[in-house]
Amino acid sequence: MTLDFVIIQPIVALVAGVLILLFPRLLNMVVAIYLIAIGILGLMPH
């Protein structure tokens, strides 16, 4: 079973939003991880 990128992106956004609300100091870390993940997924061959 492969997870489609369209399904992963909203889940990551929800988790990141909740983490930012609970731990505002983690905003930089969450954004960095999100950008790295998007970059890796974008570089992977389809």
PDB file of N, CA and C in Angstrom:
ATOM      1  N   MET A   1       0.844  -1.183   0.000  1.00  0.00           N
ATOM      2  CA  MET A   1       0.000   0.000   0.000  1.00  0.00           C
ATOM      3  C   MET A   1       0.883   1.238   0.000  1.00  0.00           C
ATOM      4  N   THR A   2       0.695   2.069  -0.988  1.00  0.00           N
ATOM      5  CA  THR A   2       1.481   3.296  -1.063  1.00  0.00           C
ATOM      6  C   THR A   2       0.592   4.479  -0.735  1.00  0.00           C
ATOM      7  N   LEU A   3       1.133   5.396   0.079  1.00  0.00           N
ATOM      8  CA  LEU A   3       0.384   6.597   0.426  1.00  0.00           C
ATOM      9  C   LEU A   3       0.620   7.655  -0.629  1.00  0.00           C
ATOM     10  N   ASP A   4      -0.456   8.194  -1.149  1.00  0.00           N
ATOM     11  CA  ASP A   4      -0.356   9.227  -2.172  1.00  0.00           C
ATOM     12  C   ASP A   4       0.050  10.543  -1.522  1.00  0.00           C
ATOM     13  N   PHE A   5       0.809  11.355  -2.250  1.00  0.00           N
ATOM     14  CA  PHE A   5       1.269  12.644  -1.736  1.00  0.00           C
ATOM     15  C   PHE A   5       0.091  13.543  -1.385  1.00  0.00           C
ATOM     16  N   VAL A   6      -1.015  13.390  -2.093  1.00  0.00           N
ATOM     17  CA  VAL A   6      -2.205  14.207  -1.840  1.00  0.00           C
ATOM     18  C   VAL A   6      -2.783  13.879  -0.464  1.00  0.00           C
ATOM     19  N   ILE A   7      -2.602  12.654   0.000  1.00  0.00           N
ATOM     20  CA  ILE A   7      -3.093  12.248   1.318  1.00  0.00           C
ATOM     21  C   ILE A   7      -2.112  12.664   2.410  1.00  0.00           C
ATOM     22  N   ILE A   8      -0.815  12.587   2.114  1.00  0.00           N
ATOM     23  CA  ILE A   8       0.206  12.880   3.122  1.00  0.00           C
ATOM     24  C   ILE A   8       0.244  14.363   3.478  1.00  0.00           C
ATOM     25  N   GLN A   9       0.118  15.233   2.489  1.00  0.00           N
ATOM     26  CA  GLN A   9       0.280  16.675   2.731  1.00  0.00           C
ATOM     27  C   GLN A   9      -0.714  17.231   3.753  1.00  0.00           C
ATOM     28  N   PRO A  10      -2.020  16.936   3.646  1.00  0.00           N
ATOM     29  CA  PRO A  10      -2.941  17.464   4.668  1.00  0.00           C
ATOM     30  C   PRO A  10      -2.686  16.894   6.061  1.00  0.00           C
ATOM     31  N   ILE A  11      -2.276  15.643   6.133  1.00  0.00           N
ATOM     32  CA  ILE A  11      -1.983  15.036   7.436  1.00  0.00           C
ATOM     33  C   ILE A  11      -0.786  15.734   8.067  1.00  0.00           C
ATOM     34  N   VAL A  12       0.261  15.980   7.280  1.00  0.00           N
ATOM     35  CA  VAL A  12       1.434  16.687   7.792  1.00  0.00           C
ATOM     36  C   VAL A  12       1.050  18.095   8.224  1.00  0.00           C
ATOM     37  N   ALA A  13       0.201  18.755   7.447  1.00  0.00           N
ATOM     38  CA  ALA A  13      -0.230  20.110   7.790  1.00  0.00           C
ATOM     39  C   ALA A  13      -1.005  20.118   9.107  1.00  0.00           C
ATOM     40  N   LEU A  14      -1.878  19.146   9.309  1.00  0.00           N
ATOM     41  CA  LEU A  14      -2.646  19.064  10.561  1.00  0.00           C
ATOM     42  C   LEU A  14      -1.734  18.826  11.755  1.00  0.00           C
ATOM     43  N   VAL A  15      -0.828  17.872  11.615  1.00  0.00           N
ATOM     44  CA  VAL A  15       0.090  17.574  12.715  1.00  0.00           C
ATOM     45  C   VAL A  15       0.960  18.788  13.023  1.00  0.00           C
ATOM     46  N   ALA A  16       1.464  19.447  11.989  1.00  0.00           N
ATOM     47  CA  ALA A  16       2.291  20.629  12.194  1.00  0.00           C
ATOM     48  C   ALA A  16       1.494  21.739  12.875  1.00  0.00           C
ATOM     49  N   GLY A  17       0.266  21.932  12.464  1.00  0.00           N
ATOM     50  CA  GLY A  17      -0.577  22.960  13.081  1.00  0.00           C
ATOM     51  C   GLY A  17      -0.815  22.696  14.554  1.00  0.00           C
ATOM     52  N   VAL A  18      -1.100  21.452  14.895  1.00  0.00           N
ATOM     53  CA  VAL A  18      -1.332  21.110  16.298  1.00  0.00           C
ATOM     54  C   VAL A  18      -0.054  21.303  17.115  1.00  0.00           C
ATOM     55  N   LEU A  19       1.074  20.878  16.568  1.00  0.00           N
ATOM     56  CA  LEU A  19       2.340  21.039  17.284  1.00  0.00           C
ATOM     57  C   LEU A  19       2.670  22.515  17.493  1.00  0.00           C
ATOM     58  N   ILE A  20       2.388  23.335  16.490  1.00  0.00           N
ATOM     59  CA  ILE A  20       2.660  24.770  16.621  1.00  0.00           C
ATOM     60  C   ILE A  20       1.768  25.383  17.695  1.00  0.00           C
ATOM     61  N   LEU A  21       0.523  24.957  17.749  1.00  0.00           N
ATOM     62  CA  LEU A  21      -0.382  25.484  18.783  1.00  0.00           C
ATOM     63  C   LEU A  21       0.061  25.049  20.176  1.00  0.00           C
ATOM     64  N   LEU A  22       0.502  23.810  20.316  1.00  0.00           N
ATOM     65  CA  LEU A  22       0.897  23.290  21.620  1.00  0.00           C
ATOM     66  C   LEU A  22       2.285  23.770  22.041  1.00  0.00           C
ATOM     67  N   PHE A  23       3.198  23.845  21.070  1.00  0.00           N
ATOM     68  CA  PHE A  23       4.584  24.206  21.353  1.00  0.00           C
ATOM     69  C   PHE A  23       5.059  25.262  20.355  1.00  0.00           C
ATOM     70  N   PRO A  24       4.732  26.533  20.594  1.00  0.00           N
ATOM     71  CA  PRO A  24       5.093  27.585  19.627  1.00  0.00           C
ATOM     72  C   PRO A  24       6.591  27.672  19.351  1.00  0.00           C
ATOM     73  N   ARG A  25       7.424  27.257  20.291  1.00  0.00           N
ATOM     74  CA  ARG A  25       8.870  27.327  20.084  1.00  0.00           C
ATOM     75  C   ARG A  25       9.343  26.307  19.063  1.00  0.00           C
ATOM     76  N   LEU A  26       8.524  25.305  18.771  1.00  0.00           N
ATOM     77  CA  LEU A  26       8.899  24.286  17.794  1.00  0.00           C
ATOM     78  C   LEU A  26       8.578  24.705  16.357  1.00  0.00           C
ATOM     79  N   LEU A  27       8.091  25.936  16.182  1.00  0.00           N
ATOM     80  CA  LEU A  27       7.684  26.378  14.847  1.00  0.00           C
ATOM     81  C   LEU A  27       8.823  26.247  13.842  1.00  0.00           C
ATOM     82  N   ASN A  28      10.006  26.706  14.194  1.00  0.00           N
ATOM     83  CA  ASN A  28      11.131  26.626  13.268  1.00  0.00           C
ATOM     84  C   ASN A  28      11.466  25.177  12.921  1.00  0.00           C
ATOM     85  N   MET A  29      11.445  24.307  13.908  1.00  0.00           N
ATOM     86  CA  MET A  29      11.758  22.894  13.676  1.00  0.00           C
ATOM     87  C   MET A  29      10.712  22.248  12.767  1.00  0.00           C
ATOM     88  N   VAL A  30       9.441  22.525  13.031  1.00  0.00           N
ATOM     89  CA  VAL A  30       8.368  21.933  12.234  1.00  0.00           C
ATOM     90  C   VAL A  30       8.452  22.408  10.789  1.00  0.00           C
ATOM     91  N   VAL A  31       8.679  23.693  10.603  1.00  0.00           N
ATOM     92  CA  VAL A  31       8.777  24.235   9.243  1.00  0.00           C
ATOM     93  C   VAL A  31       9.980  23.629   8.525  1.00  0.00           C
ATOM     94  N   ALA A  32      11.090  23.498   9.204  1.00  0.00           N
ATOM     95  CA  ALA A  32      12.280  22.928   8.585  1.00  0.00           C
ATOM     96  C   ALA A  32      12.045  21.476   8.177  1.00  0.00           C
ATOM     97  N   ILE A  33      11.453  20.690   9.049  1.00  0.00           N
ATOM     98  CA  ILE A  33      11.174  19.286   8.734  1.00  0.00           C
ATOM     99  C   ILE A  33      10.203  19.187   7.566  1.00  0.00           C
ATOM    100  N   TYR A  34       9.183  20.039   7.572  1.00  0.00           N
ATOM    101  CA  TYR A  34       8.200  20.028   6.494  1.00  0.00           C
ATOM    102  C   TYR A  34       8.860  20.355   5.152  1.00  0.00           C
ATOM    103  N   LEU A  35       9.690  21.374   5.136  1.00  0.00           N
ATOM    104  CA  LEU A  35      10.344  21.769   3.888  1.00  0.00           C
ATOM    105  C   LEU A  35      11.308  20.681   3.394  1.00  0.00           C
ATOM    106  N   ILE A  36      12.018  20.043   4.313  1.00  0.00           N
ATOM    107  CA  ILE A  36      12.914  18.957   3.927  1.00  0.00           C
ATOM    108  C   ILE A  36      12.115  17.791   3.355  1.00  0.00           C
ATOM    109  N   ALA A  37      11.008  17.450   3.993  1.00  0.00           N
ATOM    110  CA  ALA A  37      10.179  16.344   3.509  1.00  0.00           C
ATOM    111  C   ALA A  37       9.612  16.652   2.124  1.00  0.00           C
ATOM    112  N   ILE A  38       9.126  17.873   1.919  1.00  0.00           N
ATOM    113  CA  ILE A  38       8.584  18.263   0.613  1.00  0.00           C
ATOM    114  C   ILE A  38       9.691  18.208  -0.439  1.00  0.00           C
ATOM    115  N   GLY A  39      10.879  18.669  -0.085  1.00  0.00           N
ATOM    116  CA  GLY A  39      12.002  18.622  -1.022  1.00  0.00           C
ATOM    117  C   GLY A  39      12.380  17.206  -1.401  1.00  0.00           C
ATOM    118  N   ILE A  40      12.434  16.307  -0.416  1.00  0.00           N
ATOM    119  CA  ILE A  40      12.789  14.907  -0.696  1.00  0.00           C
ATOM    120  C   ILE A  40      11.718  14.247  -1.570  1.00  0.00           C
ATOM    121  N   LEU A  41      10.449  14.482  -1.228  1.00  0.00           N
ATOM    122  CA  LEU A  41       9.376  13.894  -2.020  1.00  0.00           C
ATOM    123  C   LEU A  41       9.369  14.447  -3.443  1.00  0.00           C
ATOM    124  N   GLY A  42       9.730  15.735  -3.592  1.00  0.00           N
ATOM    125  CA  GLY A  42       9.769  16.329  -4.911  1.00  0.00           C
ATOM    126  C   GLY A  42      10.896  15.791  -5.759  1.00  0.00           C
ATOM    127  N   LEU A  43      11.994  15.377  -5.148  1.00  0.00           N
ATOM    128  CA  LEU A  43      13.142  14.856  -5.880  1.00  0.00           C
ATOM    129  C   LEU A  43      13.009  13.377  -6.225  1.00  0.00           C
ATOM    130  N   MET A  44      12.136  12.671  -5.522  1.00  0.00           N
ATOM    131  CA  MET A  44      11.962  11.244  -5.771  1.00  0.00           C
ATOM    132  C   MET A  44      11.283  11.038  -7.122  1.00  0.00           C
ATOM    133  N   PRO A  45      11.751  10.036  -7.901  1.00  0.00           N
ATOM    134  CA  PRO A  45      11.080   9.742  -9.183  1.00  0.00           C
ATOM    135  C   PRO A  45       9.691   9.175  -8.933  1.00  0.00           C
ATOM    136  N   HIS A  46       8.771   9.528  -9.781  1.00  0.00           N
ATOM    137  CA  HIS A  46       7.382   9.094  -9.581  1.00  0.00           C
ATOM    138  C   HIS A  46       7.193   7.704 -10.102  1.00  0.00           C
TER     139      HIS A  46
END
